[in-house]
Structures are given as structure tokens and as C-alpha cells.
Amino acid sequence: MSLVSFVLRASQQTTRYAGAGAPVGRVLTSPARWRTRGVKTQPAYEGHVPLNWFEAGFLTLGSAFMSLANPRRGDMVAALGDLTSGPVLPRLRDAMLASAEGREILKDRPRVNSETVDMNKLAQLPEGTFGNAYVTWLERCGVTPDTREPVHYVDDPELAYVMQRYRECHDFYHCIVGMPVNVESELALKFFEFANLGLPMAGFAAAFGHLRLTHTKRERLFREFVPWAVKCGSSAQSLITVYWEKRWEQNIEDMKKEFGIWDPPEPRWSRPLSEAKAAAAKRAQQASA
């Protein structure tokens, strides 16, 4: 049984125990903390999993351990992000509320996946636009926007959306700064995100993720990428306030100037840019046929 399954089963058993269907005598004689726990187990939104302090603490420690042991466990990484983001999410929401673009995002609540974003249409945009650059980046990295875990453990629905928005826009951050998805580039972007957004999960990944790198890669990370990430991330506009989907046709270099972003040191790509551009062009031709 996985760690998440264990916590979910415990939560469900507690809910049934203190629910309306439980014998009155058992509910009245149960410890007060469990009676309180039972009152707070109604989900606030689809997919929400309410946790008491013990469950949250247990899952936080377990997901932190599993994230370090196996960073490919997206469910554990996402759970740790949910459980540690509490103090920061209200500040990110306030930043969005202070921005006209951010307020529009909170009103519309757009989602980013292959059903909501027309990749074929973006591929037909002129080279140099953000939309075309995004499709080219997806082709070059061999990824899709459909791999982001949903938020489960943030109790407030609006704050849960802010967390989901960050998670689904992560690839846009990769695209705008020109970073692939290998380990060292991902860590560099985590340093950038921590400086820009302050999310504890990004700081956790930045602090411990480099231990998995070779000495040579770790040395380059801290010598070249970390100084860029900290300086650029801390001075750039808060990227949580950007309505990316309304900027597809905008020139990506103009966007970088607007946000205060400059290029990082040259990263290590696994696929040549020319191949990715050819794949994006082929997609555009097929879409227009």
C-alpha cells in the first residue's frame, strides 16, 4: 500500500467512524479530537482530501522522504508541494489580486492541458511568438502538458487553484527561460522559482536535489546556473500573475523584456533545436491540410 493510499484510507475510516451513520454511543464516547476530525472531512472541491494535523504531518514527512529517494514519484512531489505551500499561497493570491492580469486569471480559472490548448493552432503561429516557441519546446523535450498532478491537500478552493495554476504553468517557465527538463536544468529552474515565488517545495528541491548530481554537474550548477537563477528570479515579475494563454501571439523576446528575464547559461539539450522546429512545422502543415 502506498503512503498516499494509507493516509486516504485512515482519513476515510475516521470519517465513517464519526459520521452520521455511526452508533451514537460510540461517537459520544470517542475522543474529542476524533469527533472534531469528523466534522471537517467534507471536501471543499473536487479531488480535495481533508487531513487532520496528524495525517498532514505524517504525509508531509513521508512524501519528503519519498521525493528525495525517487524524484520521479510525481504524486509524492505534488503531495509535498500541497502540504508545505500553506504560508505562501495567500501571498501569491494577493499578488494576483494586485494585478489586472492576475485578477482575470482568478476569475476565469483557465486550465492547461492538451484539451484546453490547441497545439496545432499554436504550431501555425509565426516563429518567434510565444505560442510557437512553446510547441517547439514541447517537441524538443518530448513532453506534454498532461502530466501535472491535481491538487488534493490545500483546503481553501481558491488557494488550491493558485497551486494548480503554478503546477500547470511550470512548463511555461521552462519555455520562457529556455531550459530543458534534465535534472540540472530542473534544479536551476527550482532555484529560479523559489526566488520568484517563494514556494517551499521549490526550495526543498533546490536544497537537496543537487545531491543526486555528479560532482562536475553540481559544480557547474552552483557556479553558473544558481547565480543566474537567484538574481533573475528575484528581480523578475512574479510569473504567477501572467495570463500565458492570452499571450500566444506575442513575441517571446518582448515578453522576456517585459518580465525582466534574461537568458541563462547554455544548458544541455538532448535534442537539437532544428529537429524540434521541423517537428513543429510538420504539425502545422498537418493541421492546415
C-alpha atoms as a PDB file:
ATOM      1  CA  MET A   1       0.000   0.000   0.000  1.00  0.00           C
ATOM      2  CA  SER A   2       1.402   3.412  -0.969  1.00  0.00           C
ATOM      3  CA  LEU A   3       1.852   6.212   1.535  1.00  0.00           C
ATOM      4  CA  VAL A   4      -0.943   8.266  -0.021  1.00  0.00           C
ATOM      5  CA  SER A   5      -3.305   5.261  -0.013  1.00  0.00           C
ATOM      6  CA  PHE A   6      -2.541   4.624   3.650  1.00  0.00           C
ATOM      7  CA  VAL A   7      -3.383   8.199   4.648  1.00  0.00           C
ATOM      8  CA  LEU A   8      -6.515   8.265   2.480  1.00  0.00           C
ATOM      9  CA  ARG A   9      -7.770   5.001   3.999  1.00  0.00           C
ATOM     10  CA  ALA A  10      -7.147   6.313   7.509  1.00  0.00           C
ATOM     11  CA  SER A  11      -9.000   9.512   6.675  1.00  0.00           C
ATOM     12  CA  GLN A  12     -11.960   7.630   5.223  1.00  0.00           C
ATOM     13  CA  GLN A  13     -12.154   5.304   8.216  1.00  0.00           C
ATOM     14  CA  THR A  14     -12.166   8.238  10.607  1.00  0.00           C
ATOM     15  CA  THR A  15     -14.892   9.943   8.609  1.00  0.00           C
ATOM     16  CA  ARG A  16     -17.091   6.832   8.656  1.00  0.00           C
ATOM     17  CA  TYR A  17     -16.461   6.334  12.359  1.00  0.00           C
ATOM     18  CA  ALA A  18     -17.622   9.830  13.304  1.00  0.00           C
ATOM     19  CA  GLY A  19     -20.212  10.197  10.569  1.00  0.00           C
ATOM     20  CA  ALA A  20     -23.959  10.266  10.900  1.00  0.00           C
ATOM     21  CA  GLY A  21     -24.235   6.534  10.391  1.00  0.00           C
ATOM     22  CA  ALA A  22     -22.043   5.623  13.376  1.00  0.00           C
ATOM     23  CA  PRO A  23     -23.698   4.375  16.581  1.00  0.00           C
ATOM     24  CA  VAL A  24     -24.442   7.343  18.844  1.00  0.00           C
ATOM     25  CA  GLY A  25     -22.803   5.716  21.871  1.00  0.00           C
ATOM     26  CA  ARG A  26     -19.541   5.086  20.039  1.00  0.00           C
ATOM     27  CA  VAL A  27     -19.396   8.655  18.728  1.00  0.00           C
ATOM     28  CA  LEU A  28     -20.114  10.166  22.138  1.00  0.00           C
ATOM     29  CA  THR A  29     -17.516   8.025  23.894  1.00  0.00           C
ATOM     30  CA  SER A  30     -14.834   8.543  21.246  1.00  0.00           C
ATOM     31  CA  PRO A  31     -12.040  11.053  21.994  1.00  0.00           C
ATOM     32  CA  ALA A  32     -12.975  14.674  21.307  1.00  0.00           C
ATOM     33  CA  ARG A  33     -10.249  15.053  18.708  1.00  0.00           C
ATOM     34  CA  TRP A  34     -11.870  12.390  16.524  1.00  0.00           C
ATOM     35  CA  ARG A  35     -15.301  13.978  16.855  1.00  0.00           C
ATOM     36  CA  THR A  36     -13.760  17.279  15.718  1.00  0.00           C
ATOM     37  CA  ARG A  37     -11.969  15.468  12.891  1.00  0.00           C
ATOM     38  CA  GLY A  38     -15.221  14.043  11.622  1.00  0.00           C
ATOM     39  CA  VAL A  39     -16.826  17.482  11.256  1.00  0.00           C
ATOM     40  CA  LYS A  40     -14.046  18.727   8.957  1.00  0.00           C
ATOM     41  CA  THR A  41     -13.901  15.913   6.432  1.00  0.00           C
ATOM     42  CA  GLN A  42     -16.290  17.280   3.790  1.00  0.00           C
ATOM     43  CA  PRO A  43     -14.290  18.010   0.600  1.00  0.00           C
ATOM     44  CA  ALA A  44     -14.225  21.693  -0.335  1.00  0.00           C
ATOM     45  CA  TYR A  45     -13.750  20.977  -4.059  1.00  0.00           C
ATOM     46  CA  GLU A  46     -13.448  18.037  -6.452  1.00  0.00           C
ATOM     47  CA  GLY A  47     -10.425  15.947  -5.529  1.00  0.00           C
ATOM     48  CA  HIS A  48      -9.913  17.625  -2.148  1.00  0.00           C
ATOM     49  CA  VAL A  49      -8.735  15.321   0.636  1.00  0.00           C
ATOM     50  CA  PRO A  50      -9.130  16.954   4.082  1.00  0.00           C
ATOM     51  CA  LEU A  51      -6.498  15.841   6.593  1.00  0.00           C
ATOM     52  CA  ASN A  52      -6.147  16.317  10.328  1.00  0.00           C
ATOM     53  CA  TRP A  53      -2.871  17.528  11.815  1.00  0.00           C
ATOM     54  CA  PHE A  54      -1.530  14.010  12.353  1.00  0.00           C
ATOM     55  CA  GLU A  55      -2.339  12.832   8.828  1.00  0.00           C
ATOM     56  CA  ALA A  56      -0.884  16.021   7.327  1.00  0.00           C
ATOM     57  CA  GLY A  57       2.301  15.692   9.363  1.00  0.00           C
ATOM     58  CA  PHE A  58       2.687  12.003   8.556  1.00  0.00           C
ATOM     59  CA  LEU A  59       2.156  12.567   4.839  1.00  0.00           C
ATOM     60  CA  THR A  60       4.496  15.585   4.806  1.00  0.00           C
ATOM     61  CA  LEU A  61       7.372  13.586   6.296  1.00  0.00           C
ATOM     62  CA  GLY A  62       6.664  10.547   4.144  1.00  0.00           C
ATOM     63  CA  SER A  63       6.324  12.492   0.900  1.00  0.00           C
ATOM     64  CA  ALA A  64       9.537  14.428   1.652  1.00  0.00           C
ATOM     65  CA  PHE A  65      11.420  11.159   2.122  1.00  0.00           C
ATOM     66  CA  MET A  66       9.927   9.584  -0.997  1.00  0.00           C
ATOM     67  CA  SER A  67      10.582  12.708  -3.084  1.00  0.00           C
ATOM     68  CA  LEU A  68      14.257  12.574  -2.165  1.00  0.00           C
ATOM     69  CA  ALA A  69      14.509   8.823  -2.682  1.00  0.00           C
ATOM     70  CA  ASN A  70      12.711   8.866  -6.031  1.00  0.00           C
ATOM     71  CA  PRO A  71      12.113  12.307  -7.626  1.00  0.00           C
ATOM     72  CA  ARG A  72      10.119  10.615 -10.403  1.00  0.00           C
ATOM     73  CA  ARG A  73       7.294   9.947  -7.941  1.00  0.00           C
ATOM     74  CA  GLY A  74       5.151  12.819  -9.155  1.00  0.00           C
ATOM     75  CA  ASP A  75       2.402  12.041  -6.659  1.00  0.00           C
ATOM     76  CA  MET A  76       4.802  12.378  -3.726  1.00  0.00           C
ATOM     77  CA  VAL A  77       6.372  15.563  -5.079  1.00  0.00           C
ATOM     78  CA  ALA A  78       2.895  17.038  -5.602  1.00  0.00           C
ATOM     79  CA  ALA A  79       1.717  15.993  -2.131  1.00  0.00           C
ATOM     80  CA  LEU A  80       4.752  17.646  -0.539  1.00  0.00           C
ATOM     81  CA  GLY A  81       4.077  20.787  -2.559  1.00  0.00           C
ATOM     82  CA  ASP A  82       0.446  20.889  -1.394  1.00  0.00           C
ATOM     83  CA  LEU A  83       1.270  20.307   2.254  1.00  0.00           C
ATOM     84  CA  THR A  84       4.109  22.835   2.541  1.00  0.00           C
ATOM     85  CA  SER A  85       2.664  25.684   0.477  1.00  0.00           C
ATOM     86  CA  GLY A  86       0.186  26.977   3.057  1.00  0.00           C
ATOM     87  CA  PRO A  87       2.044  30.101   4.248  1.00  0.00           C
ATOM     88  CA  VAL A  88       2.973  31.174   0.707  1.00  0.00           C
ATOM     89  CA  LEU A  89      -0.231  30.675  -1.300  1.00  0.00           C
ATOM     90  CA  PRO A  90      -2.118  33.623   0.282  1.00  0.00           C
ATOM     91  CA  ARG A  91       0.765  35.914  -0.698  1.00  0.00           C
ATOM     92  CA  LEU A  92       0.727  34.601  -4.278  1.00  0.00           C
ATOM     93  CA  ARG A  93      -3.047  35.101  -4.445  1.00  0.00           C
ATOM     94  CA  ASP A  94      -2.611  38.662  -3.175  1.00  0.00           C
ATOM     95  CA  ALA A  95      -0.031  39.276  -5.905  1.00  0.00           C
ATOM     96  CA  MET A  96      -2.548  38.042  -8.465  1.00  0.00           C
ATOM     97  CA  LEU A  97      -5.289  40.238  -6.993  1.00  0.00           C
ATOM     98  CA  ALA A  98      -2.984  43.249  -7.225  1.00  0.00           C
ATOM     99  CA  SER A  99      -2.530  42.657 -10.971  1.00  0.00           C
ATOM    100  CA  ALA A 100      -5.230  43.147 -13.603  1.00  0.00           C
ATOM    101  CA  GLU A 101      -3.915  40.100 -15.449  1.00  0.00           C
ATOM    102  CA  GLY A 102      -3.817  38.079 -12.236  1.00  0.00           C
ATOM    103  CA  ARG A 103      -7.386  39.040 -11.302  1.00  0.00           C
ATOM    104  CA  GLU A 104      -8.534  37.860 -14.710  1.00  0.00           C
ATOM    105  CA  ILE A 105      -6.837  34.505 -14.137  1.00  0.00           C
ATOM    106  CA  LEU A 106      -8.595  34.059 -10.783  1.00  0.00           C
ATOM    107  CA  LYS A 107     -11.903  34.954 -12.412  1.00  0.00           C
ATOM    108  CA  ASP A 108     -11.554  32.657 -15.447  1.00  0.00           C
ATOM    109  CA  ARG A 109      -9.587  29.855 -13.745  1.00  0.00           C
ATOM    110  CA  PRO A 110      -8.091  28.523 -17.011  1.00  0.00           C
ATOM    111  CA  ARG A 111      -6.540  25.056 -17.091  1.00  0.00           C
ATOM    112  CA  VAL A 112      -3.540  23.965 -19.132  1.00  0.00           C
ATOM    113  CA  ASN A 113      -3.690  20.586 -20.879  1.00  0.00           C
ATOM    114  CA  SER A 114      -3.932  19.155 -24.382  1.00  0.00           C
ATOM    115  CA  GLU A 115      -7.723  19.574 -24.342  1.00  0.00           C
ATOM    116  CA  THR A 116      -7.714  23.266 -23.437  1.00  0.00           C
ATOM    117  CA  VAL A 117      -4.717  24.302 -25.553  1.00  0.00           C
ATOM    118  CA  ASP A 118      -4.862  23.836 -29.340  1.00  0.00           C
ATOM    119  CA  MET A 119      -1.305  22.725 -30.084  1.00  0.00           C
ATOM    120  CA  ASN A 120      -1.916  22.582 -33.821  1.00  0.00           C
ATOM    121  CA  LYS A 121      -3.062  26.192 -33.831  1.00  0.00           C
ATOM    122  CA  LEU A 122      -0.019  27.265 -31.838  1.00  0.00           C
ATOM    123  CA  ALA A 123       2.271  25.434 -34.264  1.00  0.00           C
ATOM    124  CA  GLN A 124       0.892  27.580 -37.088  1.00  0.00           C
ATOM    125  CA  LEU A 125       1.856  30.819 -35.353  1.00  0.00           C
ATOM    126  CA  PRO A 126       4.933  32.632 -36.724  1.00  0.00           C
ATOM    127  CA  GLU A 127       8.335  31.662 -35.400  1.00  0.00           C
ATOM    128  CA  GLY A 128       9.331  33.925 -32.549  1.00  0.00           C
ATOM    129  CA  THR A 129       5.875  34.017 -30.971  1.00  0.00           C
ATOM    130  CA  PHE A 130       5.396  32.544 -27.540  1.00  0.00           C
ATOM    131  CA  GLY A 131       2.855  30.003 -28.802  1.00  0.00           C
ATOM    132  CA  ASN A 132       5.194  28.662 -31.476  1.00  0.00           C
ATOM    133  CA  ALA A 133       8.086  28.632 -29.015  1.00  0.00           C
ATOM    134  CA  TYR A 134       6.011  26.628 -26.529  1.00  0.00           C
ATOM    135  CA  VAL A 135       5.080  23.931 -29.065  1.00  0.00           C
ATOM    136  CA  THR A 136       8.704  23.765 -30.221  1.00  0.00           C
ATOM    137  CA  TRP A 137       9.845  23.394 -26.602  1.00  0.00           C
ATOM    138  CA  LEU A 138       7.368  20.530 -26.053  1.00  0.00           C
ATOM    139  CA  GLU A 139       8.641  18.782 -29.173  1.00  0.00           C
ATOM    140  CA  ARG A 140      12.267  19.295 -28.214  1.00  0.00           C
ATOM    141  CA  CYS A 141      11.781  17.952 -24.684  1.00  0.00           C
ATOM    142  CA  GLY A 142       9.353  15.184 -25.653  1.00  0.00           C
ATOM    143  CA  VAL A 143       6.772  16.135 -23.008  1.00  0.00           C
ATOM    144  CA  THR A 144       3.081  17.042 -22.898  1.00  0.00           C
ATOM    145  CA  PRO A 145       1.082  19.377 -20.631  1.00  0.00           C
ATOM    146  CA  ASP A 146      -0.990  16.443 -19.353  1.00  0.00           C
ATOM    147  CA  THR A 147       1.331  15.127 -16.639  1.00  0.00           C
ATOM    148  CA  ARG A 148       0.579  17.555 -13.789  1.00  0.00           C
ATOM    149  CA  GLU A 149      -0.876  16.053 -10.627  1.00  0.00           C
ATOM    150  CA  PRO A 150      -4.099  17.623  -9.331  1.00  0.00           C
ATOM    151  CA  VAL A 151      -4.080  19.455  -6.005  1.00  0.00           C
ATOM    152  CA  HIS A 152      -5.537  17.407  -3.124  1.00  0.00           C
ATOM    153  CA  TYR A 153      -4.303  18.751   0.207  1.00  0.00           C
ATOM    154  CA  VAL A 154      -4.840  22.532   0.067  1.00  0.00           C
ATOM    155  CA  ASP A 155      -8.050  23.213   1.991  1.00  0.00           C
ATOM    156  CA  ASP A 156      -9.100  26.588   0.552  1.00  0.00           C
ATOM    157  CA  PRO A 157     -10.539  26.206  -3.001  1.00  0.00           C
ATOM    158  CA  GLU A 158      -9.106  29.468  -4.307  1.00  0.00           C
ATOM    159  CA  LEU A 159      -5.659  28.761  -2.880  1.00  0.00           C
ATOM    160  CA  ALA A 160      -5.881  25.248  -4.318  1.00  0.00           C
ATOM    161  CA  TYR A 161      -6.410  26.804  -7.737  1.00  0.00           C
ATOM    162  CA  VAL A 162      -3.379  29.072  -7.252  1.00  0.00           C
ATOM    163  CA  MET A 163      -1.303  25.963  -6.531  1.00  0.00           C
ATOM    164  CA  GLN A 164      -2.763  24.154  -9.545  1.00  0.00           C
ATOM    165  CA  ARG A 165      -2.062  27.188 -11.703  1.00  0.00           C
ATOM    166  CA  TYR A 166       1.589  27.217 -10.652  1.00  0.00           C
ATOM    167  CA  ARG A 167       1.868  23.494 -11.346  1.00  0.00           C
ATOM    168  CA  GLU A 168       0.317  23.676 -14.809  1.00  0.00           C
ATOM    169  CA  CYS A 169       2.337  26.762 -15.803  1.00  0.00           C
ATOM    170  CA  HIS A 170       5.663  25.208 -14.827  1.00  0.00           C
ATOM    171  CA  ASP A 171       6.410  24.291 -18.446  1.00  0.00           C
ATOM    172  CA  PHE A 172       5.792  27.892 -19.485  1.00  0.00           C
ATOM    173  CA  TYR A 173       8.585  28.884 -17.100  1.00  0.00           C
ATOM    174  CA  HIS A 174      10.854  26.328 -18.767  1.00  0.00           C
ATOM    175  CA  CYS A 175       9.960  27.765 -22.163  1.00  0.00           C
ATOM    176  CA  ILE A 176      10.358  31.452 -21.318  1.00  0.00           C
ATOM    177  CA  VAL A 177      13.821  30.975 -19.774  1.00  0.00           C
ATOM    178  CA  GLY A 178      14.916  28.356 -22.332  1.00  0.00           C
ATOM    179  CA  MET A 179      15.547  25.372 -20.071  1.00  0.00           C
ATOM    180  CA  PRO A 180      15.178  21.644 -20.925  1.00  0.00           C
ATOM    181  CA  VAL A 181      13.893  19.023 -18.471  1.00  0.00           C
ATOM    182  CA  ASN A 182      17.084  17.261 -17.430  1.00  0.00           C
ATOM    183  CA  VAL A 183      17.982  17.132 -13.738  1.00  0.00           C
ATOM    184  CA  GLU A 184      20.437  20.017 -13.598  1.00  0.00           C
ATOM    185  CA  SER A 185      18.161  22.314 -15.618  1.00  0.00           C
ATOM    186  CA  GLU A 186      15.166  21.373 -13.490  1.00  0.00           C
ATOM    187  CA  LEU A 187      17.137  22.229 -10.355  1.00  0.00           C
ATOM    188  CA  ALA A 188      18.218  25.558 -11.832  1.00  0.00           C
ATOM    189  CA  LEU A 189      14.574  26.358 -12.522  1.00  0.00           C
ATOM    190  CA  LYS A 190      13.661  25.383  -8.942  1.00  0.00           C
ATOM    191  CA  PHE A 191      16.163  27.954  -7.675  1.00  0.00           C
ATOM    192  CA  PHE A 192      14.534  30.465 -10.056  1.00  0.00           C
ATOM    193  CA  GLU A 193      11.018  29.572  -8.859  1.00  0.00           C
ATOM    194  CA  PHE A 194      11.985  29.780  -5.206  1.00  0.00           C
ATOM    195  CA  ALA A 195      13.472  33.241  -5.762  1.00  0.00           C
ATOM    196  CA  ASN A 196      10.476  34.345  -7.830  1.00  0.00           C
ATOM    197  CA  LEU A 197       7.557  32.732  -5.979  1.00  0.00           C
ATOM    198  CA  GLY A 198       8.916  31.561  -2.634  1.00  0.00           C
ATOM    199  CA  LEU A 199       7.256  28.139  -2.712  1.00  0.00           C
ATOM    200  CA  PRO A 200       8.832  25.860  -0.070  1.00  0.00           C
ATOM    201  CA  MET A 201       8.739  22.831  -2.372  1.00  0.00           C
ATOM    202  CA  ALA A 202      10.949  24.638  -4.893  1.00  0.00           C
ATOM    203  CA  GLY A 203      13.367  25.499  -2.087  1.00  0.00           C
ATOM    204  CA  PHE A 204      13.320  21.917  -0.834  1.00  0.00           C
ATOM    205  CA  ALA A 205      14.155  20.587  -4.300  1.00  0.00           C
ATOM    206  CA  ALA A 206      16.883  23.186  -4.742  1.00  0.00           C
ATOM    207  CA  ALA A 207      18.425  22.424  -1.345  1.00  0.00           C
ATOM    208  CA  PHE A 208      18.561  18.645  -1.661  1.00  0.00           C
ATOM    209  CA  GLY A 209      18.107  17.725  -5.324  1.00  0.00           C
ATOM    210  CA  HIS A 210      21.682  18.574  -6.264  1.00  0.00           C
ATOM    211  CA  LEU A 211      22.911  15.688  -4.103  1.00  0.00           C
ATOM    212  CA  ARG A 212      21.914  13.357  -6.946  1.00  0.00           C
ATOM    213  CA  LEU A 213      24.206  15.119  -9.440  1.00  0.00           C
ATOM    214  CA  THR A 214      27.766  14.173 -10.307  1.00  0.00           C
ATOM    215  CA  HIS A 215      30.497  16.397  -8.927  1.00  0.00           C
ATOM    216  CA  THR A 216      31.040  18.031 -12.323  1.00  0.00           C
ATOM    217  CA  LYS A 217      27.356  18.815 -12.868  1.00  0.00           C
ATOM    218  CA  ARG A 218      26.904  20.037  -9.292  1.00  0.00           C
ATOM    219  CA  GLU A 219      29.902  22.330  -9.636  1.00  0.00           C
ATOM    220  CA  ARG A 220      28.525  23.867 -12.839  1.00  0.00           C
ATOM    221  CA  LEU A 221      25.045  24.192 -11.308  1.00  0.00           C
ATOM    222  CA  PHE A 222      26.327  26.330  -8.423  1.00  0.00           C
ATOM    223  CA  ARG A 223      28.973  28.168 -10.439  1.00  0.00           C
ATOM    224  CA  GLU A 224      26.816  29.184 -13.427  1.00  0.00           C
ATOM    225  CA  PHE A 225      23.111  28.452 -13.032  1.00  0.00           C
ATOM    226  CA  VAL A 226      22.356  29.263  -9.389  1.00  0.00           C
ATOM    227  CA  PRO A 227      23.689  32.856  -9.540  1.00  0.00           C
ATOM    228  CA  TRP A 228      21.592  33.462 -12.671  1.00  0.00           C
ATOM    229  CA  ALA A 229      18.501  31.814 -11.139  1.00  0.00           C
ATOM    230  CA  VAL A 230      18.611  33.720  -7.863  1.00  0.00           C
ATOM    231  CA  LYS A 231      19.326  37.105  -9.422  1.00  0.00           C
ATOM    232  CA  CYS A 232      16.915  36.742 -12.335  1.00  0.00           C
ATOM    233  CA  GLY A 233      14.140  35.080 -10.324  1.00  0.00           C
ATOM    234  CA  SER A 234      14.226  37.632  -7.512  1.00  0.00           C
ATOM    235  CA  SER A 235      14.152  40.651  -9.839  1.00  0.00           C
ATOM    236  CA  ALA A 236      11.669  39.361 -12.432  1.00  0.00           C
ATOM    237  CA  GLN A 237       7.921  39.936 -12.342  1.00  0.00           C
ATOM    238  CA  SER A 238       6.055  37.328 -10.327  1.00  0.00           C
ATOM    239  CA  LEU A 239       5.232  34.792 -13.043  1.00  0.00           C
ATOM    240  CA  ILE A 240       2.109  33.575 -11.223  1.00  0.00           C
ATOM    241  CA  THR A 241       0.437  36.804 -12.405  1.00  0.00           C
ATOM    242  CA  VAL A 242       0.990  36.117 -16.130  1.00  0.00           C
ATOM    243  CA  TYR A 243      -2.013  35.073 -18.235  1.00  0.00           C
ATOM    244  CA  TRP A 244       0.092  32.985 -20.608  1.00  0.00           C
ATOM    245  CA  GLU A 245      -2.826  31.786 -22.732  1.00  0.00           C
ATOM    246  CA  LYS A 246      -3.581  35.360 -23.827  1.00  0.00           C
ATOM    247  CA  ARG A 247      -0.013  35.919 -24.955  1.00  0.00           C
ATOM    248  CA  TRP A 248       0.367  33.154 -27.540  1.00  0.00           C
ATOM    249  CA  GLU A 249       0.841  35.624 -30.409  1.00  0.00           C
ATOM    250  CA  GLN A 250       3.224  37.916 -28.529  1.00  0.00           C
ATOM    251  CA  ASN A 251       6.930  37.934 -29.381  1.00  0.00           C
ATOM    252  CA  ILE A 252       8.739  35.854 -26.777  1.00  0.00           C
ATOM    253  CA  GLU A 253      11.732  38.212 -26.616  1.00  0.00           C
ATOM    254  CA  ASP A 254       9.396  41.131 -25.903  1.00  0.00           C
ATOM    255  CA  MET A 255       7.786  39.089 -23.127  1.00  0.00           C
ATOM    256  CA  LYS A 256      11.161  38.391 -21.541  1.00  0.00           C
ATOM    257  CA  LYS A 257      11.989  42.092 -21.552  1.00  0.00           C
ATOM    258  CA  GLU A 258       8.597  42.893 -20.040  1.00  0.00           C
ATOM    259  CA  PHE A 259       9.033  40.342 -17.236  1.00  0.00           C
ATOM    260  CA  GLY A 260      12.665  41.236 -16.589  1.00  0.00           C
ATOM    261  CA  ILE A 261      14.031  37.827 -17.629  1.00  0.00           C
ATOM    262  CA  TRP A 262      17.370  37.260 -19.329  1.00  0.00           C
ATOM    263  CA  ASP A 263      18.869  34.084 -20.791  1.00  0.00           C
ATOM    264  CA  PRO A 264      20.609  31.571 -18.504  1.00  0.00           C
ATOM    265  CA  PRO A 265      23.976  29.935 -19.266  1.00  0.00           C
ATOM    266  CA  GLU A 266      23.689  27.500 -22.183  1.00  0.00           C
ATOM    267  CA  PRO A 267      22.011  24.320 -20.860  1.00  0.00           C
ATOM    268  CA  ARG A 268      22.478  20.749 -22.053  1.00  0.00           C
ATOM    269  CA  TRP A 269      19.789  19.734 -24.559  1.00  0.00           C
ATOM    270  CA  SER A 270      19.194  16.130 -25.613  1.00  0.00           C
ATOM    271  CA  ARG A 271      17.623  17.065 -28.955  1.00  0.00           C
ATOM    272  CA  PRO A 272      18.786  19.661 -31.494  1.00  0.00           C
ATOM    273  CA  LEU A 273      16.586  22.725 -31.924  1.00  0.00           C
ATOM    274  CA  SER A 274      16.430  22.130 -35.677  1.00  0.00           C
ATOM    275  CA  GLU A 275      14.694  18.761 -35.142  1.00  0.00           C
ATOM    276  CA  ALA A 276      12.143  20.294 -32.778  1.00  0.00           C
ATOM    277  CA  LYS A 277      11.417  23.116 -35.223  1.00  0.00           C
ATOM    278  CA  ALA A 278      10.964  20.564 -38.027  1.00  0.00           C
ATOM    279  CA  ALA A 279       8.520  18.575 -35.864  1.00  0.00           C
ATOM    280  CA  ALA A 280       6.563  21.731 -35.015  1.00  0.00           C
ATOM    281  CA  ALA A 281       6.468  22.715 -38.701  1.00  0.00           C
ATOM    282  CA  LYS A 282       5.210  19.250 -39.619  1.00  0.00           C
ATOM    283  CA  ARG A 283       2.441  19.573 -37.028  1.00  0.00           C
ATOM    284  CA  ALA A 284       1.454  22.935 -38.518  1.00  0.00           C
ATOM    285  CA  GLN A 285       1.360  21.504 -42.050  1.00  0.00           C
ATOM    286  CA  GLN A 286      -0.814  18.592 -40.965  1.00  0.00           C
ATOM    287  CA  ALA A 287      -3.176  20.963 -39.157  1.00  0.00           C
ATOM    288  CA  SER A 288      -3.600  23.192 -42.181  1.00  0.00           C
ATOM    289  CA  ALA A 289      -4.035  20.290 -44.653  1.00  0.00           C
END
